[in-house]
Amino acid sequence: IAYNLPTAADVKLEVYNVLGAKIATLVDLKQTAGSYKVNWNAMDDF
């Protein structure tokens, strides 16, 4: 999953199932402006 931030921001990137339950948190932090890439390996938070 790739994304760009035009300015610094608190970023949260989470994965949910079709029932709306959170499966995994991939990003939860303040990031500076720039381009980012996050890999998800189909694993839950556990």
PDB file of all heavy atoms in Angstrom:
ATOM      1  N   ILE A   1       0.869  -1.178   0.000  1.00  0.00           N
ATOM      2  CA  ILE A   1       0.000   0.000   0.000  1.00  0.00           C
ATOM      3  C   ILE A   1       0.904   1.226   0.000  1.00  0.00           C
ATOM      4  O   ILE A   1       1.731   1.388   0.895  1.00  0.00           O
ATOM      5  CB  ILE A   1      -0.915   0.001   1.237  1.00  0.00           C
ATOM      6  CG1 ILE A   1      -1.792  -1.254   1.244  1.00  0.00           C
ATOM      7  CG2 ILE A   1      -1.765   1.270   1.272  1.00  0.00           C
ATOM      8  CD1 ILE A   1      -2.514  -1.498   2.548  1.00  0.00           C
ATOM      9  N   ALA A   2       0.769   2.048  -1.028  1.00  0.00           N
ATOM     10  CA  ALA A   2       1.595   3.255  -1.158  1.00  0.00           C
ATOM     11  C   ALA A   2       0.728   4.484  -0.942  1.00  0.00           C
ATOM     12  O   ALA A   2      -0.449   4.516  -1.322  1.00  0.00           O
ATOM     13  CB  ALA A   2       2.233   3.295  -2.542  1.00  0.00           C
ATOM     14  N   TYR A   3       1.301   5.500  -0.303  1.00  0.00           N
ATOM     15  CA  TYR A   3       0.584   6.754  -0.094  1.00  0.00           C
ATOM     16  C   TYR A   3       1.574   7.902   0.010  1.00  0.00           C
ATOM     17  O   TYR A   3       2.755   7.713   0.283  1.00  0.00           O
ATOM     18  CB  TYR A   3      -0.318   6.688   1.148  1.00  0.00           C
ATOM     19  CG  TYR A   3       0.392   6.378   2.445  1.00  0.00           C
ATOM     20  CD1 TYR A   3       0.816   7.396   3.285  1.00  0.00           C
ATOM     21  CD2 TYR A   3       0.638   5.068   2.825  1.00  0.00           C
ATOM     22  CE1 TYR A   3       1.465   7.116   4.480  1.00  0.00           C
ATOM     23  CE2 TYR A   3       1.281   4.771   4.013  1.00  0.00           C
ATOM     24  CZ  TYR A   3       1.693   5.798   4.834  1.00  0.00           C
ATOM     25  OH  TYR A   3       2.340   5.519   6.010  1.00  0.00           O
ATOM     26  N   ASN A   4       1.071   9.103  -0.262  1.00  0.00           N
ATOM     27  CA  ASN A   4       1.872  10.330  -0.211  1.00  0.00           C
ATOM     28  C   ASN A   4       1.261  11.295   0.789  1.00  0.00           C
ATOM     29  O   ASN A   4       0.047  11.447   0.848  1.00  0.00           O
ATOM     30  CB  ASN A   4       1.906  11.015  -1.580  1.00  0.00           C
ATOM     31  CG  ASN A   4       2.580  10.167  -2.622  1.00  0.00           C
ATOM     32  OD1 ASN A   4       3.669   9.677  -2.406  1.00  0.00           O
ATOM     33  ND2 ASN A   4       1.911   9.979  -3.751  1.00  0.00           N
ATOM     34  N   LEU A   5       2.115  11.947   1.538  1.00  0.00           N
ATOM     35  CA  LEU A   5       1.678  12.980   2.472  1.00  0.00           C
ATOM     36  C   LEU A   5       2.214  14.327   2.005  1.00  0.00           C
ATOM     37  O   LEU A   5       3.425  14.508   1.914  1.00  0.00           O
ATOM     38  CB  LEU A   5       2.211  12.696   3.878  1.00  0.00           C
ATOM     39  CG  LEU A   5       1.722  11.430   4.568  1.00  0.00           C
ATOM     40  CD1 LEU A   5       2.428  11.265   5.908  1.00  0.00           C
ATOM     41  CD2 LEU A   5       0.229  11.468   4.763  1.00  0.00           C
ATOM     42  N   PRO A   6       1.333  15.292   1.706  1.00  0.00           N
ATOM     43  CA  PRO A   6       1.811  16.609   1.290  1.00  0.00           C
ATOM     44  C   PRO A   6       2.408  17.399   2.457  1.00  0.00           C
ATOM     45  O   PRO A   6       3.271  18.247   2.255  1.00  0.00           O
ATOM     46  CB  PRO A   6       0.573  17.291   0.727  1.00  0.00           C
ATOM     47  CG  PRO A   6      -0.576  16.576   1.349  1.00  0.00           C
ATOM     48  CD  PRO A   6      -0.111  15.172   1.626  1.00  0.00           C
ATOM     49  N   THR A   7       1.936  17.113   3.664  1.00  0.00           N
ATOM     50  CA  THR A   7       2.453  17.759   4.874  1.00  0.00           C
ATOM     51  C   THR A   7       2.523  16.721   5.986  1.00  0.00           C
ATOM     52  O   THR A   7       1.932  15.648   5.884  1.00  0.00           O
ATOM     53  CB  THR A   7       1.532  18.911   5.336  1.00  0.00           C
ATOM     54  OG1 THR A   7       0.238  18.375   5.627  1.00  0.00           O
ATOM     55  CG2 THR A   7       1.409  20.000   4.285  1.00  0.00           C
ATOM     56  N   ALA A   8       3.235  17.034   7.047  1.00  0.00           N
ATOM     57  CA  ALA A   8       3.322  16.126   8.181  1.00  0.00           C
ATOM     58  C   ALA A   8       1.927  15.910   8.775  1.00  0.00           C
ATOM     59  O   ALA A   8       1.111  16.825   8.804  1.00  0.00           O
ATOM     60  CB  ALA A   8       4.253  16.695   9.244  1.00  0.00           C
ATOM     61  N   ALA A   9       1.675  14.670   9.216  1.00  0.00           N
ATOM     62  CA  ALA A   9       0.353  14.350   9.765  1.00  0.00           C
ATOM     63  C   ALA A   9       0.426  13.105  10.625  1.00  0.00           C
ATOM     64  O   ALA A   9       1.340  12.286  10.478  1.00  0.00           O
ATOM     65  CB  ALA A   9      -0.654  14.134   8.636  1.00  0.00           C
ATOM     66  N   ASP A  10      -0.553  12.976  11.524  1.00  0.00           N
ATOM     67  CA  ASP A  10      -0.746  11.720  12.238  1.00  0.00           C
ATOM     68  C   ASP A  10      -1.415  10.759  11.262  1.00  0.00           C
ATOM     69  O   ASP A  10      -2.473  11.081  10.709  1.00  0.00           O
ATOM     70  CB  ASP A  10      -1.635  11.927  13.462  1.00  0.00           C
ATOM     71  CG  ASP A  10      -0.939  12.734  14.541  1.00  0.00           C
ATOM     72  OD1 ASP A  10       0.267  12.524  14.748  1.00  0.00           O
ATOM     73  OD2 ASP A  10      -1.600  13.575  15.167  1.00  0.00           O
ATOM     74  N   VAL A  11      -0.804   9.613  11.042  1.00  0.00           N
ATOM     75  CA  VAL A  11      -1.294   8.655  10.047  1.00  0.00           C
ATOM     76  C   VAL A  11      -1.739   7.384  10.748  1.00  0.00           C
ATOM     77  O   VAL A  11      -1.036   6.857  11.617  1.00  0.00           O
ATOM     78  CB  VAL A  11      -0.196   8.326   9.010  1.00  0.00           C
ATOM     79  CG1 VAL A  11      -0.692   7.291   8.013  1.00  0.00           C
ATOM     80  CG2 VAL A  11       0.258   9.583   8.294  1.00  0.00           C
ATOM     81  N   LYS A  12      -2.903   6.897  10.342  1.00  0.00           N
ATOM     82  CA  LYS A  12      -3.399   5.608  10.823  1.00  0.00           C
ATOM     83  C   LYS A  12      -3.833   4.816   9.598  1.00  0.00           C
ATOM     84  O   LYS A  12      -4.610   5.310   8.778  1.00  0.00           O
ATOM     85  CB  LYS A  12      -4.564   5.783  11.779  1.00  0.00           C
ATOM     86  CG  LYS A  12      -4.999   4.469  12.422  1.00  0.00           C
ATOM     87  CD  LYS A  12      -6.061   4.694  13.464  1.00  0.00           C
ATOM     88  CE  LYS A  12      -5.388   5.125  14.738  1.00  0.00           C
ATOM     89  NZ  LYS A  12      -6.285   5.055  15.912  1.00  0.00           N
ATOM     90  N   LEU A  13      -3.294   3.604   9.465  1.00  0.00           N
ATOM     91  CA  LEU A  13      -3.627   2.712   8.354  1.00  0.00           C
ATOM     92  C   LEU A  13      -4.014   1.374   8.961  1.00  0.00           C
ATOM     93  O   LEU A  13      -3.191   0.714   9.597  1.00  0.00           O
ATOM     94  CB  LEU A  13      -2.434   2.572   7.411  1.00  0.00           C
ATOM     95  CG  LEU A  13      -2.581   1.626   6.227  1.00  0.00           C
ATOM     96  CD1 LEU A  13      -3.760   1.996   5.356  1.00  0.00           C
ATOM     97  CD2 LEU A  13      -1.304   1.628   5.409  1.00  0.00           C
ATOM     98  N   GLU A  14      -5.290   1.002   8.793  1.00  0.00           N
ATOM     99  CA  GLU A  14      -5.807  -0.209   9.405  1.00  0.00           C
ATOM    100  C   GLU A  14      -6.519  -1.070   8.369  1.00  0.00           C
ATOM    101  O   GLU A  14      -7.049  -0.551   7.382  1.00  0.00           O
ATOM    102  CB  GLU A  14      -6.786   0.133  10.533  1.00  0.00           C
ATOM    103  CG  GLU A  14      -6.139   0.906  11.656  1.00  0.00           C
ATOM    104  CD  GLU A  14      -7.116   1.398  12.695  1.00  0.00           C
ATOM    105  OE1 GLU A  14      -8.214   1.845  12.316  1.00  0.00           O
ATOM    106  OE2 GLU A  14      -6.770   1.340  13.880  1.00  0.00           O
ATOM    107  N   VAL A  15      -6.544  -2.383   8.628  1.00  0.00           N
ATOM    108  CA  VAL A  15      -7.210  -3.344   7.750  1.00  0.00           C
ATOM    109  C   VAL A  15      -8.422  -3.906   8.490  1.00  0.00           C
ATOM    110  O   VAL A  15      -8.330  -4.255   9.671  1.00  0.00           O
ATOM    111  CB  VAL A  15      -6.251  -4.481   7.347  1.00  0.00           C
ATOM    112  CG1 VAL A  15      -6.961  -5.482   6.439  1.00  0.00           C
ATOM    113  CG2 VAL A  15      -5.011  -3.921   6.657  1.00  0.00           C
ATOM    114  N   TYR A  16      -9.556  -3.986   7.779  1.00  0.00           N
ATOM    115  CA  TYR A  16     -10.811  -4.474   8.342  1.00  0.00           C
ATOM    116  C   TYR A  16     -11.360  -5.623   7.503  1.00  0.00           C
ATOM    117  O   TYR A  16     -11.132  -5.665   6.282  1.00  0.00           O
ATOM    118  CB  TYR A  16     -11.862  -3.353   8.354  1.00  0.00           C
ATOM    119  CG  TYR A  16     -11.492  -2.203   9.235  1.00  0.00           C
ATOM    120  CD1 TYR A  16     -10.689  -1.163   8.767  1.00  0.00           C
ATOM    121  CD2 TYR A  16     -11.939  -2.138  10.550  1.00  0.00           C
ATOM    122  CE1 TYR A  16     -10.343  -0.106   9.581  1.00  0.00           C
ATOM    123  CE2 TYR A  16     -11.599  -1.083  11.369  1.00  0.00           C
ATOM    124  CZ  TYR A  16     -10.806  -0.068  10.882  1.00  0.00           C
ATOM    125  OH  TYR A  16     -10.454   0.977  11.699  1.00  0.00           O
ATOM    126  N   ASN A  17     -12.113  -6.526   8.145  1.00  0.00           N
ATOM    127  CA  ASN A  17     -12.795  -7.569   7.379  1.00  0.00           C
ATOM    128  C   ASN A  17     -14.143  -7.038   6.893  1.00  0.00           C
ATOM    129  O   ASN A  17     -14.506  -5.892   7.176  1.00  0.00           O
ATOM    130  CB  ASN A  17     -12.933  -8.870   8.191  1.00  0.00           C
ATOM    131  CG  ASN A  17     -13.836  -8.729   9.402  1.00  0.00           C
ATOM    132  OD1 ASN A  17     -14.629  -7.799   9.523  1.00  0.00           O
ATOM    133  ND2 ASN A  17     -13.717  -9.673  10.315  1.00  0.00           N
ATOM    134  N   VAL A  18     -14.902  -7.872   6.170  1.00  0.00           N
ATOM    135  CA  VAL A  18     -16.170  -7.410   5.595  1.00  0.00           C
ATOM    136  C   VAL A  18     -17.227  -7.118   6.658  1.00  0.00           C
ATOM    137  O   VAL A  18     -18.202  -6.422   6.379  1.00  0.00           O
ATOM    138  CB  VAL A  18     -16.735  -8.404   4.558  1.00  0.00           C
ATOM    139  CG1 VAL A  18     -15.848  -8.471   3.336  1.00  0.00           C
ATOM    140  CG2 VAL A  18     -16.939  -9.767   5.155  1.00  0.00           C
ATOM    141  N   LEU A  19     -17.042  -7.630   7.874  1.00  0.00           N
ATOM    142  CA  LEU A  19     -17.971  -7.343   8.962  1.00  0.00           C
ATOM    143  C   LEU A  19     -17.631  -6.044   9.689  1.00  0.00           C
ATOM    144  O   LEU A  19     -18.349  -5.617  10.586  1.00  0.00           O
ATOM    145  CB  LEU A  19     -17.981  -8.499   9.965  1.00  0.00           C
ATOM    146  CG  LEU A  19     -18.413  -9.853   9.397  1.00  0.00           C
ATOM    147  CD1 LEU A  19     -18.276 -10.933  10.451  1.00  0.00           C
ATOM    148  CD2 LEU A  19     -19.831  -9.783   8.872  1.00  0.00           C
ATOM    149  N   GLY A  20     -16.502  -5.429   9.305  1.00  0.00           N
ATOM    150  CA  GLY A  20     -16.096  -4.165   9.918  1.00  0.00           C
ATOM    151  C   GLY A  20     -15.198  -4.315  11.121  1.00  0.00           C
ATOM    152  O   GLY A  20     -14.873  -3.324  11.770  1.00  0.00           O
ATOM    153  N   ALA A  21     -14.782  -5.547  11.427  1.00  0.00           N
ATOM    154  CA  ALA A  21     -13.870  -5.776  12.551  1.00  0.00           C
ATOM    155  C   ALA A  21     -12.441  -5.457  12.135  1.00  0.00           C
ATOM    156  O   ALA A  21     -12.007  -5.847  11.049  1.00  0.00           O
ATOM    157  CB  ALA A  21     -13.963  -7.219  13.030  1.00  0.00           C
ATOM    158  N   LYS A  22     -11.720  -4.739  12.992  1.00  0.00           N
ATOM    159  CA  LYS A  22     -10.329  -4.409  12.685  1.00  0.00           C
ATOM    160  C   LYS A  22      -9.482  -5.676  12.759  1.00  0.00           C
ATOM    161  O   LYS A  22      -9.529  -6.409  13.740  1.00  0.00           O
ATOM    162  CB  LYS A  22      -9.787  -3.358  13.650  1.00  0.00           C
ATOM    163  CG  LYS A  22      -8.376  -2.914  13.294  1.00  0.00           C
ATOM    164  CD  LYS A  22      -7.890  -1.819  14.191  1.00  0.00           C
ATOM    165  CE  LYS A  22      -7.611  -2.410  15.550  1.00  0.00           C
ATOM    166  NZ  LYS A  22      -6.725  -1.607  16.377  1.00  0.00           N
ATOM    167  N   ILE A  23      -8.708  -5.919  11.721  1.00  0.00           N
ATOM    168  CA  ILE A  23      -7.855  -7.100  11.624  1.00  0.00           C
ATOM    169  C   ILE A  23      -6.405  -6.762  11.954  1.00  0.00           C
ATOM    170  O   ILE A  23      -5.729  -7.499  12.661  1.00  0.00           O
ATOM    171  CB  ILE A  23      -7.920  -7.700  10.190  1.00  0.00           C
ATOM    172  CG1 ILE A  23      -9.341  -8.090   9.843  1.00  0.00           C
ATOM    173  CG2 ILE A  23      -6.974  -8.870  10.026  1.00  0.00           C
ATOM    174  CD1 ILE A  23      -9.947  -9.134  10.747  1.00  0.00           C
ATOM    175  N   ALA A  24      -5.932  -5.648  11.419  1.00  0.00           N
ATOM    176  CA  ALA A  24      -4.520  -5.289  11.607  1.00  0.00           C
ATOM    177  C   ALA A  24      -4.342  -3.781  11.559  1.00  0.00           C
ATOM    178  O   ALA A  24      -5.032  -3.085  10.817  1.00  0.00           O
ATOM    179  CB  ALA A  24      -3.661  -5.945  10.524  1.00  0.00           C
ATOM    180  N   THR A  25      -3.396  -3.290  12.357  1.00  0.00           N
ATOM    181  CA  THR A  25      -2.963  -1.900  12.300  1.00  0.00           C
ATOM    182  C   THR A  25      -1.584  -1.897  11.670  1.00  0.00           C
ATOM    183  O   THR A  25      -0.650  -2.490  12.203  1.00  0.00           O
ATOM    184  CB  THR A  25      -2.916  -1.277  13.701  1.00  0.00           C
ATOM    185  OG1 THR A  25      -4.220  -1.342  14.279  1.00  0.00           O
ATOM    186  CG2 THR A  25      -2.457   0.167  13.640  1.00  0.00           C
ATOM    187  N   LEU A  26      -1.454  -1.258  10.517  1.00  0.00           N
ATOM    188  CA  LEU A  26      -0.186  -1.235   9.793  1.00  0.00           C
ATOM    189  C   LEU A  26       0.635   0.006  10.109  1.00  0.00           C
ATOM    190  O   LEU A  26       1.863  -0.044  10.112  1.00  0.00           O
ATOM    191  CB  LEU A  26      -0.431  -1.341   8.287  1.00  0.00           C
ATOM    192  CG  LEU A  26      -1.275  -2.541   7.838  1.00  0.00           C
ATOM    193  CD1 LEU A  26      -1.458  -2.520   6.334  1.00  0.00           C
ATOM    194  CD2 LEU A  26      -0.646  -3.848   8.286  1.00  0.00           C
ATOM    195  N   VAL A  27      -0.030   1.143  10.340  1.00  0.00           N
ATOM    196  CA  VAL A  27       0.650   2.394  10.669  1.00  0.00           C
ATOM    197  C   VAL A  27      -0.196   3.126  11.702  1.00  0.00           C
ATOM    198  O   VAL A  27      -1.415   3.189  11.566  1.00  0.00           O
ATOM    199  CB  VAL A  27       0.827   3.301   9.420  1.00  0.00           C
ATOM    200  CG1 VAL A  27       1.474   4.622   9.785  1.00  0.00           C
ATOM    201  CG2 VAL A  27       1.611   2.603   8.326  1.00  0.00           C
ATOM    202  N   ASP A  28       0.466   3.670  12.712  1.00  0.00           N
ATOM    203  CA  ASP A  28      -0.215   4.506  13.703  1.00  0.00           C
ATOM    204  C   ASP A  28       0.831   5.417  14.331  1.00  0.00           C
ATOM    205  O   ASP A  28       1.303   5.187  15.439  1.00  0.00           O
ATOM    206  CB  ASP A  28      -0.908   3.654  14.763  1.00  0.00           C
ATOM    207  CG  ASP A  28      -1.790   4.486  15.697  1.00  0.00           C
ATOM    208  OD1 ASP A  28      -1.964   5.698  15.441  1.00  0.00           O
ATOM    209  OD2 ASP A  28      -2.298   3.924  16.686  1.00  0.00           O
ATOM    210  N   LEU A  29       1.214   6.462  13.585  1.00  0.00           N
ATOM    211  CA  LEU A  29       2.249   7.376  14.062  1.00  0.00           C
ATOM    212  C   LEU A  29       2.251   8.662  13.256  1.00  0.00           C
ATOM    213  O   LEU A  29       1.612   8.760  12.225  1.00  0.00           O
ATOM    214  CB  LEU A  29       3.628   6.710  13.999  1.00  0.00           C
ATOM    215  CG  LEU A  29       4.080   6.070  12.675  1.00  0.00           C
ATOM    216  CD1 LEU A  29       4.813   7.048  11.803  1.00  0.00           C
ATOM    217  CD2 LEU A  29       4.982   4.900  12.987  1.00  0.00           C
ATOM    218  N   LYS A  30       2.981   9.650  13.766  1.00  0.00           N
ATOM    219  CA  LYS A  30       3.141  10.920  13.054  1.00  0.00           C
ATOM    220  C   LYS A  30       4.244  10.733  12.019  1.00  0.00           C
ATOM    221  O   LYS A  30       5.308  10.203  12.335  1.00  0.00           O
ATOM    222  CB  LYS A  30       3.492  12.034  14.017  1.00  0.00           C
ATOM    223  CG  LYS A  30       3.532  13.398  13.348  1.00  0.00           C
ATOM    224  CD  LYS A  30       3.613  14.503  14.383  1.00  0.00           C
ATOM    225  CE  LYS A  30       3.544  15.864  13.736  1.00  0.00           C
ATOM    226  NZ  LYS A  30       2.194  16.240  13.345  1.00  0.00           N
ATOM    227  N   GLN A  31       3.956  11.151  10.780  1.00  0.00           N
ATOM    228  CA  GLN A  31       4.932  11.032   9.705  1.00  0.00           C
ATOM    229  C   GLN A  31       5.133  12.386   9.037  1.00  0.00           C
ATOM    230  O   GLN A  31       4.213  13.202   8.973  1.00  0.00           O
ATOM    231  CB  GLN A  31       4.477  10.002   8.665  1.00  0.00           C
ATOM    232  CG  GLN A  31       4.450   8.589   9.216  1.00  0.00           C
ATOM    233  CD  GLN A  31       4.029   7.574   8.185  1.00  0.00           C
ATOM    234  OE1 GLN A  31       3.025   7.747   7.511  1.00  0.00           O
ATOM    235  NE2 GLN A  31       4.787   6.498   8.079  1.00  0.00           N
ATOM    236  N   THR A  32       6.345  12.600   8.534  1.00  0.00           N
ATOM    237  CA  THR A  32       6.657  13.825   7.812  1.00  0.00           C
ATOM    238  C   THR A  32       6.136  13.725   6.385  1.00  0.00           C
ATOM    239  O   THR A  32       5.765  12.647   5.915  1.00  0.00           O
ATOM    240  CB  THR A  32       8.178  14.062   7.791  1.00  0.00           C
ATOM    241  OG1 THR A  32       8.817  12.946   7.167  1.00  0.00           O
ATOM    242  CG2 THR A  32       8.718  14.243   9.201  1.00  0.00           C
ATOM    243  N   ALA A  33       6.117  14.852   5.683  1.00  0.00           N
ATOM    244  CA  ALA A  33       5.686  14.863   4.285  1.00  0.00           C
ATOM    245  C   ALA A  33       6.580  13.938   3.470  1.00  0.00           C
ATOM    246  O   ALA A  33       7.776  13.818   3.732  1.00  0.00           O
ATOM    247  CB  ALA A  33       5.746  16.283   3.735  1.00  0.00           C
ATOM    248  N   GLY A  34       5.982  13.248   2.499  1.00  0.00           N
ATOM    249  CA  GLY A  34       6.766  12.368   1.640  1.00  0.00           C
ATOM    250  C   GLY A  34       5.949  11.187   1.163  1.00  0.00           C
ATOM    251  O   GLY A  34       4.744  11.089   1.393  1.00  0.00           O
ATOM    252  N   SER A  35       6.637  10.271   0.476  1.00  0.00           N
ATOM    253  CA  SER A  35       6.020   9.057  -0.058  1.00  0.00           C
ATOM    254  C   SER A  35       6.347   7.880   0.835  1.00  0.00           C
ATOM    255  O   SER A  35       7.485   7.746   1.299  1.00  0.00           O
ATOM    256  CB  SER A  35       6.544   8.777  -1.468  1.00  0.00           C
ATOM    257  OG  SER A  35       6.192   9.835  -2.332  1.00  0.00           O
ATOM    258  N   TYR A  36       5.360   7.017   1.051  1.00  0.00           N
ATOM    259  CA  TYR A  36       5.518   5.865   1.929  1.00  0.00           C
ATOM    260  C   TYR A  36       4.948   4.614   1.281  1.00  0.00           C
ATOM    261  O   TYR A  36       4.018   4.697   0.470  1.00  0.00           O
ATOM    262  CB  TYR A  36       4.802   6.111   3.268  1.00  0.00           C
ATOM    263  CG  TYR A  36       5.400   7.246   4.051  1.00  0.00           C
ATOM    264  CD1 TYR A  36       4.965   8.548   3.871  1.00  0.00           C
ATOM    265  CD2 TYR A  36       6.430   7.015   4.956  1.00  0.00           C
ATOM    266  CE1 TYR A  36       5.523   9.590   4.576  1.00  0.00           C
ATOM    267  CE2 TYR A  36       6.997   8.054   5.670  1.00  0.00           C
ATOM    268  CZ  TYR A  36       6.534   9.343   5.474  1.00  0.00           C
ATOM    269  OH  TYR A  36       7.102  10.368   6.175  1.00  0.00           O
ATOM    270  N   LYS A  37       5.503   3.467   1.666  1.00  0.00           N
ATOM    271  CA  LYS A  37       5.013   2.172   1.212  1.00  0.00           C
ATOM    272  C   LYS A  37       4.963   1.252   2.421  1.00  0.00           C
ATOM    273  O   LYS A  37       5.900   1.204   3.215  1.00  0.00           O
ATOM    274  CB  LYS A  37       5.940   1.569   0.163  1.00  0.00           C
ATOM    275  CG  LYS A  37       6.009   2.349  -1.117  1.00  0.00           C
ATOM    276  CD  LYS A  37       6.984   1.716  -2.081  1.00  0.00           C
ATOM    277  CE  LYS A  37       7.085   2.562  -3.338  1.00  0.00           C
ATOM    278  NZ  LYS A  37       8.082   2.029  -4.278  1.00  0.00           N
ATOM    279  N   VAL A  38       3.847   0.528   2.548  1.00  0.00           N
ATOM    280  CA  VAL A  38       3.662  -0.404   3.650  1.00  0.00           C
ATOM    281  C   VAL A  38       3.250  -1.743   3.065  1.00  0.00           C
ATOM    282  O   VAL A  38       2.362  -1.802   2.204  1.00  0.00           O
ATOM    283  CB  VAL A  38       2.552   0.094   4.614  1.00  0.00           C
ATOM    284  CG1 VAL A  38       2.309  -0.907   5.721  1.00  0.00           C
ATOM    285  CG2 VAL A  38       2.910   1.443   5.176  1.00  0.00           C
ATOM    286  N   ASN A  39       3.896  -2.822   3.503  1.00  0.00           N
ATOM    287  CA  ASN A  39       3.519  -4.159   3.060  1.00  0.00           C
ATOM    288  C   ASN A  39       2.595  -4.794   4.088  1.00  0.00           C
ATOM    289  O   ASN A  39       2.827  -4.680   5.286  1.00  0.00           O
ATOM    290  CB  ASN A  39       4.759  -5.043   2.883  1.00  0.00           C
ATOM    291  CG  ASN A  39       5.518  -4.694   1.631  1.00  0.00           C
ATOM    292  OD1 ASN A  39       4.938  -4.584   0.558  1.00  0.00           O
ATOM    293  ND2 ASN A  39       6.805  -4.506   1.756  1.00  0.00           N
ATOM    294  N   TRP A  40       1.557  -5.465   3.586  1.00  0.00           N
ATOM    295  CA  TRP A  40       0.708  -6.267   4.455  1.00  0.00           C
ATOM    296  C   TRP A  40       0.838  -7.718   4.021  1.00  0.00           C
ATOM    297  O   TRP A  40       0.652  -8.047   2.849  1.00  0.00           O
ATOM    298  CB  TRP A  40      -0.750  -5.823   4.402  1.00  0.00           C
ATOM    299  CG  TRP A  40      -1.620  -6.610   5.358  1.00  0.00           C
ATOM    300  CD1 TRP A  40      -1.335  -6.903   6.652  1.00  0.00           C
ATOM    301  CD2 TRP A  40      -2.885  -7.186   5.086  1.00  0.00           C
ATOM    302  NE1 TRP A  40      -2.354  -7.633   7.212  1.00  0.00           N
ATOM    303  CE2 TRP A  40      -3.327  -7.825   6.266  1.00  0.00           C
ATOM    304  CE3 TRP A  40      -3.704  -7.243   3.967  1.00  0.00           C
ATOM    305  CZ2 TRP A  40      -4.535  -8.498   6.348  1.00  0.00           C
ATOM    306  CZ3 TRP A  40      -4.919  -7.904   4.060  1.00  0.00           C
ATOM    307  CH2 TRP A  40      -5.316  -8.523   5.242  1.00  0.00           C
ATOM    308  N   ASN A  41       1.179  -8.577   4.969  1.00  0.00           N
ATOM    309  CA  ASN A  41       1.446  -9.983   4.677  1.00  0.00           C
ATOM    310  C   ASN A  41       0.263 -10.889   4.996  1.00  0.00           C
ATOM    311  O   ASN A  41       0.451 -12.086   5.217  1.00  0.00           O
ATOM    312  CB  ASN A  41       2.683 -10.442   5.453  1.00  0.00           C
ATOM    313  CG  ASN A  41       2.510 -10.290   6.954  1.00  0.00           C
ATOM    314  OD1 ASN A  41       1.480  -9.825   7.424  1.00  0.00           O
ATOM    315  ND2 ASN A  41       3.522 -10.663   7.705  1.00  0.00           N
ATOM    316  N   ALA A  42      -0.942 -10.352   5.027  1.00  0.00           N
ATOM    317  CA  ALA A  42      -2.172 -11.115   5.287  1.00  0.00           C
ATOM    318  C   ALA A  42      -2.165 -11.770   6.667  1.00  0.00           C
ATOM    319  O   ALA A  42      -2.694 -12.851   6.856  1.00  0.00           O
ATOM    320  CB  ALA A  42      -2.424 -12.140   4.192  1.00  0.00           C
ATOM    321  N   MET A  43      -1.552 -11.077   7.635  1.00  0.00           N
ATOM    322  CA  MET A  43      -1.560 -11.539   9.022  1.00  0.00           C
ATOM    323  C   MET A  43      -2.338 -10.524   9.855  1.00  0.00           C
ATOM    324  O   MET A  43      -2.320  -9.330   9.575  1.00  0.00           O
ATOM    325  CB  MET A  43      -0.144 -11.641   9.583  1.00  0.00           C
ATOM    326  CG  MET A  43       0.742 -12.619   8.867  1.00  0.00           C
ATOM    327  SD  MET A  43       0.372 -14.278   9.401  1.00  0.00           S
ATOM    328  CE  MET A  43       1.795 -15.131   8.798  1.00  0.00           C
ATOM    329  N   ASP A  44      -2.995 -11.026  10.918  1.00  0.00           N
ATOM    330  CA  ASP A  44      -3.687 -10.114  11.812  1.00  0.00           C
ATOM    331  C   ASP A  44      -2.716  -9.539  12.844  1.00  0.00           C
ATOM    332  O   ASP A  44      -1.514  -9.830  12.796  1.00  0.00           O
ATOM    333  CB  ASP A  44      -4.903 -10.783  12.463  1.00  0.00           C
ATOM    334  CG  ASP A  44      -4.546 -11.892  13.443  1.00  0.00           C
ATOM    335  OD1 ASP A  44      -3.370 -12.042  13.830  1.00  0.00           O
ATOM    336  OD2 ASP A  44      -5.481 -12.620  13.840  1.00  0.00           O
ATOM    337  N   ASP A  45      -3.219  -8.740  13.765  1.00  0.00           N
ATOM    338  CA  ASP A  45      -2.370  -8.106  14.778  1.00  0.00           C
ATOM    339  C   ASP A  45      -1.713  -9.105  15.720  1.00  0.00           C
ATOM    340  O   ASP A  45      -0.776  -8.776  16.431  1.00  0.00           O
ATOM    341  CB  ASP A  45      -3.175  -7.090  15.604  1.00  0.00           C
ATOM    342  CG  ASP A  45      -3.313  -5.744  14.907  1.00  0.00           C
ATOM    343  OD1 ASP A  45      -2.495  -5.432  14.017  1.00  0.00           O
ATOM    344  OD2 ASP A  45      -4.242  -4.991  15.267  1.00  0.00           O
ATOM    345  N   PHE A  46      -2.203 -10.347  15.741  1.00  0.00           N
ATOM    346  CA  PHE A  46      -1.651 -11.380  16.619  1.00  0.00           C
ATOM    347  C   PHE A  46      -0.711 -12.328  15.881  1.00  0.00           C
ATOM    348  O   PHE A  46      -0.303 -13.349  16.430  1.00  0.00           O
ATOM    349  CB  PHE A  46      -2.790 -12.161  17.281  1.00  0.00           C
ATOM    350  CG  PHE A  46      -3.709 -11.286  18.073  1.00  0.00           C
ATOM    351  CD1 PHE A  46      -4.942 -10.907  17.564  1.00  0.00           C
ATOM    352  CD2 PHE A  46      -3.334 -10.798  19.317  1.00  0.00           C
ATOM    353  CE1 PHE A  46      -5.788 -10.073  18.277  1.00  0.00           C
ATOM    354  CE2 PHE A  46      -4.178  -9.964  20.045  1.00  0.00           C
ATOM    355  CZ  PHE A  46      -5.400  -9.609  19.517  1.00  0.00           C
TER     356      PHE A  46
END
